[in-house]
């Protein structure tokens, strides 16, 4: 689990950097990698709807070429929620 937390943290940084610099092609690739990592995360069903809505907002921002807003959604909304859930899961298993 700690490895997944580290991977998501690192991928968030890489994705956000690509978005903020306007590297469209790389941002697309980094988004795919990021979503794949999120799919590995054992998240409670109660949070999946909220995360799905946030991912939809980020997707719409990307479609509108609003890369800064998408970066903010990934960095300040999605990642903190996912990482908090993973940290709680890790803490409860110890």
PDB file of N, CA and C in Angstrom:
ATOM      1  N   UNK A   1       0.819  -1.196   0.000  1.00  0.00           N
ATOM      2  CA  UNK A   1       0.000   0.000   0.000  1.00  0.00           C
ATOM      3  C   UNK A   1       0.862   1.259   0.000  1.00  0.00           C
ATOM      4  N   UNK A   2       1.951   1.224   0.774  1.00  0.00           N
ATOM      5  CA  UNK A   2       2.830   2.394   0.819  1.00  0.00           C
ATOM      6  C   UNK A   2       3.447   2.678  -0.541  1.00  0.00           C
ATOM      7  N   UNK A   3       3.709   1.627  -1.297  1.00  0.00           N
ATOM      8  CA  UNK A   3       4.248   1.801  -2.648  1.00  0.00           C
ATOM      9  C   UNK A   3       3.231   2.496  -3.552  1.00  0.00           C
ATOM     10  N   UNK A   4       1.966   2.129  -3.417  1.00  0.00           N
ATOM     11  CA  UNK A   4       0.910   2.753  -4.215  1.00  0.00           C
ATOM     12  C   UNK A   4       0.755   4.222  -3.830  1.00  0.00           C
ATOM     13  N   UNK A   5       0.834   4.522  -2.551  1.00  0.00           N
ATOM     14  CA  UNK A   5       0.758   5.913  -2.093  1.00  0.00           C
ATOM     15  C   UNK A   5       1.897   6.728  -2.710  1.00  0.00           C
ATOM     16  N   UNK A   6       3.093   6.173  -2.674  1.00  0.00           N
ATOM     17  CA  UNK A   6       4.253   6.864  -3.257  1.00  0.00           C
ATOM     18  C   UNK A   6       4.084   7.046  -4.760  1.00  0.00           C
ATOM     19  N   UNK A   7       3.606   6.007  -5.447  1.00  0.00           N
ATOM     20  CA  UNK A   7       3.404   6.090  -6.901  1.00  0.00           C
ATOM     21  C   UNK A   7       2.368   7.150  -7.262  1.00  0.00           C
ATOM     22  N   UNK A   8       1.269   7.192  -6.524  1.00  0.00           N
ATOM     23  CA  UNK A   8       0.220   8.185  -6.804  1.00  0.00           C
ATOM     24  C   UNK A   8       0.745   9.590  -6.530  1.00  0.00           C
ATOM     25  N   UNK A   9       1.483   9.757  -5.447  1.00  0.00           N
ATOM     26  CA  UNK A   9       2.058  11.070  -5.123  1.00  0.00           C
ATOM     27  C   UNK A   9       3.004  11.536  -6.223  1.00  0.00           C
ATOM     28  N   UNK A  10       3.892  10.656  -6.651  1.00  0.00           N
ATOM     29  CA  UNK A  10       4.840  11.013  -7.715  1.00  0.00           C
ATOM     30  C   UNK A  10       4.131  11.282  -9.034  1.00  0.00           C
ATOM     31  N   UNK A  11       3.140  10.468  -9.360  1.00  0.00           N
ATOM     32  CA  UNK A  11       2.425  10.649 -10.627  1.00  0.00           C
ATOM     33  C   UNK A  11       1.610  11.933 -10.619  1.00  0.00           C
ATOM     34  N   UNK A  12       1.057  12.287  -9.463  1.00  0.00           N
ATOM     35  CA  UNK A  12       0.333  13.553  -9.357  1.00  0.00           C
ATOM     36  C   UNK A  12       1.255  14.706  -9.691  1.00  0.00           C
ATOM     37  N   UNK A  13       2.456  14.685  -9.144  1.00  0.00           N
ATOM     38  CA  UNK A  13       3.436  15.748  -9.408  1.00  0.00           C
ATOM     39  C   UNK A  13       3.783  15.820 -10.888  1.00  0.00           C
ATOM     40  N   UNK A  14       4.004  14.667 -11.497  1.00  0.00           N
ATOM     41  CA  UNK A  14       4.360  14.621 -12.921  1.00  0.00           C
ATOM     42  C   UNK A  14       3.205  15.123 -13.789  1.00  0.00           C
ATOM     43  N   UNK A  15       2.003  14.668 -13.484  1.00  0.00           N
ATOM     44  CA  UNK A  15       0.817  15.079 -14.251  1.00  0.00           C
ATOM     45  C   UNK A  15       0.585  16.574 -14.130  1.00  0.00           C
ATOM     46  N   UNK A  16       0.611  17.081 -12.910  1.00  0.00           N
ATOM     47  CA  UNK A  16       0.345  18.503 -12.681  1.00  0.00           C
ATOM     48  C   UNK A  16       1.391  19.372 -13.373  1.00  0.00           C
ATOM     49  N   UNK A  17       2.639  18.948 -13.330  1.00  0.00           N
ATOM     50  CA  UNK A  17       3.701  19.702 -14.002  1.00  0.00           C
ATOM     51  C   UNK A  17       3.446  19.771 -15.509  1.00  0.00           C
ATOM     52  N   UNK A  18       3.102  18.641 -16.109  1.00  0.00           N
ATOM     53  CA  UNK A  18       2.834  18.615 -17.557  1.00  0.00           C
ATOM     54  C   UNK A  18       1.654  19.518 -17.909  1.00  0.00           C
ATOM     55  N   UNK A  19       0.621  19.484 -17.088  1.00  0.00           N
ATOM     56  CA  UNK A  19      -0.550  20.325 -17.352  1.00  0.00           C
ATOM     57  C   UNK A  19      -0.215  21.801 -17.224  1.00  0.00           C
ATOM     58  N   UNK A  20       0.482  22.160 -16.175  1.00  0.00           N
ATOM     59  CA  UNK A  20       0.790  23.579 -15.939  1.00  0.00           C
ATOM     60  C   UNK A  20       1.749  24.150 -16.978  1.00  0.00           C
ATOM     61  N   UNK A  21       2.588  23.277 -17.538  1.00  0.00           N
ATOM     62  CA  UNK A  21       3.502  23.735 -18.587  1.00  0.00           C
ATOM     63  C   UNK A  21       2.859  23.697 -19.971  1.00  0.00           C
ATOM     64  N   UNK A  22       1.648  23.138 -20.057  1.00  0.00           N
ATOM     65  CA  UNK A  22       0.936  23.094 -21.325  1.00  0.00           C
ATOM     66  C   UNK A  22       1.430  22.028 -22.287  1.00  0.00           C
ATOM     67  N   UNK A  23       2.073  21.007 -21.775  1.00  0.00           N
ATOM     68  CA  UNK A  23       2.546  19.906 -22.608  1.00  0.00           C
ATOM     69  C   UNK A  23       1.383  18.945 -22.846  1.00  0.00           C
ATOM     70  N   UNK A  24       0.576  19.261 -23.853  1.00  0.00           N
ATOM     71  CA  UNK A  24      -0.664  18.533 -24.083  1.00  0.00           C
ATOM     72  C   UNK A  24      -0.468  17.028 -24.272  1.00  0.00           C
ATOM     73  N   UNK A  25       0.434  16.649 -25.135  1.00  0.00           N
ATOM     74  CA  UNK A  25       0.651  15.235 -25.411  1.00  0.00           C
ATOM     75  C   UNK A  25       1.113  14.479 -24.182  1.00  0.00           C
ATOM     76  N   UNK A  26       2.093  15.034 -23.496  1.00  0.00           N
ATOM     77  CA  UNK A  26       2.597  14.387 -22.291  1.00  0.00           C
ATOM     78  C   UNK A  26       1.531  14.368 -21.201  1.00  0.00           C
ATOM     79  N   UNK A  27       0.756  15.425 -21.086  1.00  0.00           N
ATOM     80  CA  UNK A  27      -0.307  15.473 -20.083  1.00  0.00           C
ATOM     81  C   UNK A  27      -1.339  14.380 -20.328  1.00  0.00           C
ATOM     82  N   UNK A  28      -1.639  14.106 -21.587  1.00  0.00           N
ATOM     83  CA  UNK A  28      -2.566  13.025 -21.909  1.00  0.00           C
ATOM     84  C   UNK A  28      -2.032  11.675 -21.449  1.00  0.00           C
ATOM     85  N   UNK A  29      -0.761  11.439 -21.728  1.00  0.00           N
ATOM     86  CA  UNK A  29      -0.130  10.198 -21.295  1.00  0.00           C
ATOM     87  C   UNK A  29      -0.091  10.112 -19.773  1.00  0.00           C
ATOM     88  N   UNK A  30       0.297  11.200 -19.121  1.00  0.00           N
ATOM     89  CA  UNK A  30       0.397  11.202 -17.660  1.00  0.00           C
ATOM     90  C   UNK A  30      -0.978  11.037 -17.002  1.00  0.00           C
ATOM     91  N   UNK A  31      -2.015  11.567 -17.635  1.00  0.00           N
ATOM     92  CA  UNK A  31      -3.381  11.391 -17.116  1.00  0.00           C
ATOM     93  C   UNK A  31      -3.775   9.922 -17.166  1.00  0.00           C
ATOM     94  N   UNK A  32      -3.448   9.265 -18.255  1.00  0.00           N
ATOM     95  CA  UNK A  32      -3.754   7.835 -18.390  1.00  0.00           C
ATOM     96  C   UNK A  32      -3.045   7.021 -17.319  1.00  0.00           C
ATOM     97  N   UNK A  33      -1.780   7.304 -17.101  1.00  0.00           N
ATOM     98  CA  UNK A  33      -1.016   6.595 -16.072  1.00  0.00           C
ATOM     99  C   UNK A  33      -1.626   6.861 -14.694  1.00  0.00           C
ATOM    100  N   UNK A  34      -1.995   8.108 -14.452  1.00  0.00           N
ATOM    101  CA  UNK A  34      -2.591   8.500 -13.166  1.00  0.00           C
ATOM    102  C   UNK A  34      -3.901   7.752 -12.911  1.00  0.00           C
ATOM    103  N   UNK A  35      -4.771   7.719 -13.903  1.00  0.00           N
ATOM    104  CA  UNK A  35      -6.061   7.030 -13.760  1.00  0.00           C
ATOM    105  C   UNK A  35      -5.834   5.536 -13.544  1.00  0.00           C
ATOM    106  N   UNK A  36      -4.868   4.962 -14.247  1.00  0.00           N
ATOM    107  CA  UNK A  36      -4.545   3.545 -14.040  1.00  0.00           C
ATOM    108  C   UNK A  36      -4.119   3.286 -12.598  1.00  0.00           C
ATOM    109  N   UNK A  37      -3.342   4.188 -12.018  1.00  0.00           N
ATOM    110  CA  UNK A  37      -2.939   4.040 -10.614  1.00  0.00           C
ATOM    111  C   UNK A  37      -4.148   4.142  -9.686  1.00  0.00           C
ATOM    112  N   UNK A  38      -5.043   5.061  -9.991  1.00  0.00           N
ATOM    113  CA  UNK A  38      -6.246   5.195  -9.163  1.00  0.00           C
ATOM    114  C   UNK A  38      -7.096   3.931  -9.208  1.00  0.00           C
ATOM    115  N   UNK A  39      -7.080   3.266 -10.351  1.00  0.00           N
ATOM    116  CA  UNK A  39      -7.859   2.031 -10.486  1.00  0.00           C
ATOM    117  C   UNK A  39      -7.309   0.930  -9.583  1.00  0.00           C
ATOM    118  N   UNK A  40      -6.034   0.999  -9.237  1.00  0.00           N
ATOM    119  CA  UNK A  40      -5.410   0.015  -8.350  1.00  0.00           C
ATOM    120  C   UNK A  40      -5.746   0.274  -6.882  1.00  0.00           C
ATOM    121  N   UNK A  41      -6.172   1.484  -6.574  1.00  0.00           N
ATOM    122  CA  UNK A  41      -6.400   1.863  -5.184  1.00  0.00           C
ATOM    123  C   UNK A  41      -7.693   1.237  -4.656  1.00  0.00           C
ATOM    124  N   UNK A  42      -7.596   0.554  -3.518  1.00  0.00           N
ATOM    125  CA  UNK A  42      -8.794  -0.035  -2.907  1.00  0.00           C
ATOM    126  C   UNK A  42      -9.576   1.040  -2.147  1.00  0.00           C
ATOM    127  N   UNK A  43     -10.439   1.734  -2.859  1.00  0.00           N
ATOM    128  CA  UNK A  43     -11.183   2.841  -2.266  1.00  0.00           C
ATOM    129  C   UNK A  43     -12.578   2.385  -1.845  1.00  0.00           C
ATOM    130  N   UNK A  44     -13.091   2.956  -0.764  1.00  0.00           N
ATOM    131  CA  UNK A  44     -14.447   2.594  -0.347  1.00  0.00           C
ATOM    132  C   UNK A  44     -15.473   3.063  -1.371  1.00  0.00           C
ATOM    133  N   UNK A  45     -16.507   2.280  -1.540  1.00  0.00           N
ATOM    134  CA  UNK A  45     -17.547   2.617  -2.520  1.00  0.00           C
ATOM    135  C   UNK A  45     -18.179   3.966  -2.243  1.00  0.00           C
ATOM    136  N   UNK A  46     -18.210   4.356  -0.992  1.00  0.00           N
ATOM    137  CA  UNK A  46     -18.821   5.642  -0.632  1.00  0.00           C
ATOM    138  C   UNK A  46     -18.074   6.828  -1.251  1.00  0.00           C
ATOM    139  N   UNK A  47     -16.798   6.641  -1.558  1.00  0.00           N
ATOM    140  CA  UNK A  47     -16.005   7.736  -2.137  1.00  0.00           C
ATOM    141  C   UNK A  47     -15.939   7.683  -3.658  1.00  0.00           C
ATOM    142  N   UNK A  48     -16.338   6.573  -4.244  1.00  0.00           N
ATOM    143  CA  UNK A  48     -16.195   6.425  -5.691  1.00  0.00           C
ATOM    144  C   UNK A  48     -17.049   7.410  -6.481  1.00  0.00           C
ATOM    145  N   UNK A  49     -18.259   7.684  -6.025  1.00  0.00           N
ATOM    146  CA  UNK A  49     -19.116   8.626  -6.744  1.00  0.00           C
ATOM    147  C   UNK A  49     -18.518  10.032  -6.725  1.00  0.00           C
ATOM    148  N   UNK A  50     -18.032  10.444  -5.570  1.00  0.00           N
ATOM    149  CA  UNK A  50     -17.411  11.762  -5.453  1.00  0.00           C
ATOM    150  C   UNK A  50     -16.171  11.858  -6.349  1.00  0.00           C
ATOM    151  N   UNK A  51     -15.330  10.828  -6.323  1.00  0.00           N
ATOM    152  CA  UNK A  51     -14.139  10.829  -7.173  1.00  0.00           C
ATOM    153  C   UNK A  51     -14.502  10.792  -8.647  1.00  0.00           C
ATOM    154  N   UNK A  52     -15.525  10.040  -8.983  1.00  0.00           N
ATOM    155  CA  UNK A  52     -15.979   9.983 -10.372  1.00  0.00           C
ATOM    156  C   UNK A  52     -16.431  11.363 -10.847  1.00  0.00           C
ATOM    157  N   UNK A  53     -17.142  12.080 -10.004  1.00  0.00           N
ATOM    158  CA  UNK A  53     -17.586  13.433 -10.356  1.00  0.00           C
ATOM    159  C   UNK A  53     -16.398  14.374 -10.540  1.00  0.00           C
ATOM    160  N   UNK A  54     -15.399  14.256  -9.668  1.00  0.00           N
ATOM    161  CA  UNK A  54     -14.209  15.104  -9.788  1.00  0.00           C
ATOM    162  C   UNK A  54     -13.410  14.777 -11.044  1.00  0.00           C
ATOM    163  N   UNK A  55     -13.324  13.501 -11.370  1.00  0.00           N
ATOM    164  CA  UNK A  55     -12.615  13.107 -12.593  1.00  0.00           C
ATOM    165  C   UNK A  55     -13.356  13.627 -13.818  1.00  0.00           C
ATOM    166  N   UNK A  56     -14.678  13.617 -13.771  1.00  0.00           N
ATOM    167  CA  UNK A  56     -15.477  14.175 -14.869  1.00  0.00           C
ATOM    168  C   UNK A  56     -15.212  15.668 -15.020  1.00  0.00           C
ATOM    169  N   UNK A  57     -15.119  16.379 -13.903  1.00  0.00           N
ATOM    170  CA  UNK A  57     -14.815  17.814 -13.953  1.00  0.00           C
ATOM    171  C   UNK A  57     -13.433  18.041 -14.566  1.00  0.00           C
ATOM    172  N   UNK A  58     -12.462  17.243 -14.142  1.00  0.00           N
ATOM    173  CA  UNK A  58     -11.107  17.371 -14.700  1.00  0.00           C
ATOM    174  C   UNK A  58     -11.108  17.051 -16.193  1.00  0.00           C
ATOM    175  N   UNK A  59     -11.846  16.021 -16.582  1.00  0.00           N
ATOM    176  CA  UNK A  59     -11.940  15.650 -17.995  1.00  0.00           C
ATOM    177  C   UNK A  59     -12.541  16.789 -18.817  1.00  0.00           C
ATOM    178  N   UNK A  60     -13.598  17.395 -18.300  1.00  0.00           N
ATOM    179  CA  UNK A  60     -14.229  18.520 -19.002  1.00  0.00           C
ATOM    180  C   UNK A  60     -13.261  19.699 -19.115  1.00  0.00           C
ATOM    181  N   UNK A  61     -12.482  19.933 -18.074  1.00  0.00           N
ATOM    182  CA  UNK A  61     -11.482  21.010 -18.125  1.00  0.00           C
ATOM    183  C   UNK A  61     -10.444  20.715 -19.210  1.00  0.00           C
ATOM    184  N   UNK A  62     -10.012  19.453 -19.283  1.00  0.00           N
ATOM    185  CA  UNK A  62      -9.057  19.078 -20.331  1.00  0.00           C
ATOM    186  C   UNK A  62      -9.665  19.241 -21.714  1.00  0.00           C
ATOM    187  N   UNK A  63     -10.920  18.847 -21.867  1.00  0.00           N
ATOM    188  CA  UNK A  63     -11.595  18.984 -23.161  1.00  0.00           C
ATOM    189  C   UNK A  63     -11.702  20.450 -23.577  1.00  0.00           C
ATOM    190  N   UNK A  64     -11.829  21.337 -22.584  1.00  0.00           N
ATOM    191  CA  UNK A  64     -11.917  22.778 -22.855  1.00  0.00           C
ATOM    192  C   UNK A  64     -10.550  23.452 -22.888  1.00  0.00           C
ATOM    193  N   UNK A  65      -9.505  22.629 -22.798  1.00  0.00           N
ATOM    194  CA  UNK A  65      -8.121  23.100 -22.815  1.00  0.00           C
ATOM    195  C   UNK A  65      -7.815  24.054 -21.657  1.00  0.00           C
ATOM    196  N   UNK A  66      -8.488  23.833 -20.549  1.00  0.00           N
ATOM    197  CA  UNK A  66      -8.244  24.603 -19.334  1.00  0.00           C
ATOM    198  C   UNK A  66      -7.327  23.769 -18.443  1.00  0.00           C
ATOM    199  N   UNK A  67      -6.062  23.725 -18.820  1.00  0.00           N
ATOM    200  CA  UNK A  67      -5.098  22.844 -18.187  1.00  0.00           C
ATOM    201  C   UNK A  67      -4.793  23.235 -16.742  1.00  0.00           C
ATOM    202  N   UNK A  68      -4.826  24.512 -16.438  1.00  0.00           N
ATOM    203  CA  UNK A  68      -4.551  24.944 -15.072  1.00  0.00           C
ATOM    204  C   UNK A  68      -5.662  24.495 -14.121  1.00  0.00           C
ATOM    205  N   UNK A  69      -6.916  24.600 -14.569  1.00  0.00           N
ATOM    206  CA  UNK A  69      -8.031  24.142 -13.740  1.00  0.00           C
ATOM    207  C   UNK A  69      -7.955  22.627 -13.553  1.00  0.00           C
ATOM    208  N   UNK A  70      -7.649  21.900 -14.614  1.00  0.00           N
ATOM    209  CA  UNK A  70      -7.515  20.440 -14.512  1.00  0.00           C
ATOM    210  C   UNK A  70      -6.400  20.085 -13.530  1.00  0.00           C
ATOM    211  N   UNK A  71      -5.280  20.790 -13.619  1.00  0.00           N
ATOM    212  CA  UNK A  71      -4.168  20.528 -12.697  1.00  0.00           C
ATOM    213  C   UNK A  71      -4.595  20.758 -11.252  1.00  0.00           C
ATOM    214  N   UNK A  72      -5.335  21.824 -11.023  1.00  0.00           N
ATOM    215  CA  UNK A  72      -5.820  22.104  -9.668  1.00  0.00           C
ATOM    216  C   UNK A  72      -6.757  21.005  -9.162  1.00  0.00           C
ATOM    217  N   UNK A  73      -7.623  20.512 -10.013  1.00  0.00           N
ATOM    218  CA  UNK A  73      -8.548  19.444  -9.615  1.00  0.00           C
ATOM    219  C   UNK A  73      -7.762  18.190  -9.231  1.00  0.00           C
ATOM    220  N   UNK A  74      -6.796  17.814 -10.059  1.00  0.00           N
ATOM    221  CA  UNK A  74      -5.991  16.630  -9.743  1.00  0.00           C
ATOM    222  C   UNK A  74      -5.179  16.826  -8.461  1.00  0.00           C
ATOM    223  N   UNK A  75      -4.548  17.989  -8.333  1.00  0.00           N
ATOM    224  CA  UNK A  75      -3.639  18.217  -7.210  1.00  0.00           C
ATOM    225  C   UNK A  75      -4.351  18.489  -5.885  1.00  0.00           C
ATOM    226  N   UNK A  76      -5.424  19.288  -5.935  1.00  0.00           N
ATOM    227  CA  UNK A  76      -6.036  19.747  -4.692  1.00  0.00           C
ATOM    228  C   UNK A  76      -7.345  19.051  -4.331  1.00  0.00           C
ATOM    229  N   UNK A  77      -7.922  18.325  -5.251  1.00  0.00           N
ATOM    230  CA  UNK A  77      -9.198  17.668  -4.966  1.00  0.00           C
ATOM    231  C   UNK A  77      -9.102  16.145  -5.008  1.00  0.00           C
ATOM    232  N   UNK A  78      -8.627  15.607  -6.118  1.00  0.00           N
ATOM    233  CA  UNK A  78      -8.633  14.150  -6.298  1.00  0.00           C
ATOM    234  C   UNK A  78      -7.542  13.487  -5.457  1.00  0.00           C
ATOM    235  N   UNK A  79      -6.312  13.897  -5.658  1.00  0.00           N
ATOM    236  CA  UNK A  79      -5.200  13.231  -4.963  1.00  0.00           C
ATOM    237  C   UNK A  79      -5.320  13.271  -3.440  1.00  0.00           C
ATOM    238  N   UNK A  80      -5.654  14.413  -2.844  1.00  0.00           N
ATOM    239  CA  UNK A  80      -5.777  14.401  -1.377  1.00  0.00           C
ATOM    240  C   UNK A  80      -6.836  13.420  -0.867  1.00  0.00           C
ATOM    241  N   UNK A  81      -7.939  13.302  -1.583  1.00  0.00           N
ATOM    242  CA  UNK A  81      -8.986  12.357  -1.156  1.00  0.00           C
ATOM    243  C   UNK A  81      -8.511  10.912  -1.266  1.00  0.00           C
ATOM    244  N   UNK A  82      -7.883  10.606  -2.385  1.00  0.00           N
ATOM    245  CA  UNK A  82      -7.404   9.235  -2.595  1.00  0.00           C
ATOM    246  C   UNK A  82      -6.325   8.898  -1.572  1.00  0.00           C
ATOM    247  N   UNK A  83      -5.371   9.795  -1.392  1.00  0.00           N
ATOM    248  CA  UNK A  83      -4.270   9.528  -0.469  1.00  0.00           C
ATOM    249  C   UNK A  83      -4.749   9.441   0.978  1.00  0.00           C
ATOM    250  N   UNK A  84      -5.736  10.243   1.341  1.00  0.00           N
ATOM    251  CA  UNK A  84      -6.291  10.166   2.696  1.00  0.00           C
ATOM    252  C   UNK A  84      -6.936   8.804   2.929  1.00  0.00           C
ATOM    253  N   UNK A  85      -7.674   8.318   1.938  1.00  0.00           N
ATOM    254  CA  UNK A  85      -8.304   7.001   2.067  1.00  0.00           C
ATOM    255  C   UNK A  85      -7.274   5.897   2.159  1.00  0.00           C
ATOM    256  N   UNK A  86      -6.239   5.982   1.338  1.00  0.00           N
ATOM    257  CA  UNK A  86      -5.191   4.963   1.373  1.00  0.00           C
ATOM    258  C   UNK A  86      -4.431   5.004   2.693  1.00  0.00           C
ATOM    259  N   UNK A  87      -4.170   6.192   3.207  1.00  0.00           N
ATOM    260  CA  UNK A  87      -3.474   6.317   4.483  1.00  0.00           C
ATOM    261  C   UNK A  87      -4.316   5.744   5.621  1.00  0.00           C
ATOM    262  N   UNK A  88      -5.620   5.976   5.572  1.00  0.00           N
ATOM    263  CA  UNK A  88      -6.517   5.410   6.594  1.00  0.00           C
ATOM    264  C   UNK A  88      -6.517   3.895   6.516  1.00  0.00           C
ATOM    265  N   UNK A  89      -6.523   3.365   5.296  1.00  0.00           N
ATOM    266  CA  UNK A  89      -6.505   1.913   5.124  1.00  0.00           C
ATOM    267  C   UNK A  89      -5.223   1.328   5.665  1.00  0.00           C
ATOM    268  N   UNK A  90      -4.110   1.983   5.400  1.00  0.00           N
ATOM    269  CA  UNK A  90      -2.814   1.509   5.874  1.00  0.00           C
ATOM    270  C   UNK A  90      -2.762   1.590   7.401  1.00  0.00           C
ATOM    271  N   UNK A  91      -3.248   2.677   7.940  1.00  0.00           N
ATOM    272  CA  UNK A  91      -3.235   2.860   9.391  1.00  0.00           C
ATOM    273  C   UNK A  91      -4.105   1.867  10.120  1.00  0.00           C
ATOM    274  N   UNK A  92      -5.242   1.511   9.535  1.00  0.00           N
ATOM    275  CA  UNK A  92      -6.147   0.586  10.199  1.00  0.00           C
ATOM    276  C   UNK A  92      -5.654  -0.854  10.139  1.00  0.00           C
ATOM    277  N   UNK A  93      -4.733  -1.168   9.221  1.00  0.00           N
ATOM    278  CA  UNK A  93      -4.221  -2.531   9.093  1.00  0.00           C
ATOM    279  C   UNK A  93      -3.021  -2.776   9.994  1.00  0.00           C
ATOM    280  N   UNK A  94      -2.458  -1.696  10.550  1.00  0.00           N
ATOM    281  CA  UNK A  94      -1.254  -1.854  11.372  1.00  0.00           C
ATOM    282  C   UNK A  94      -1.616  -2.183  12.801  1.00  0.00           C
TER     283      UNK A  94
END
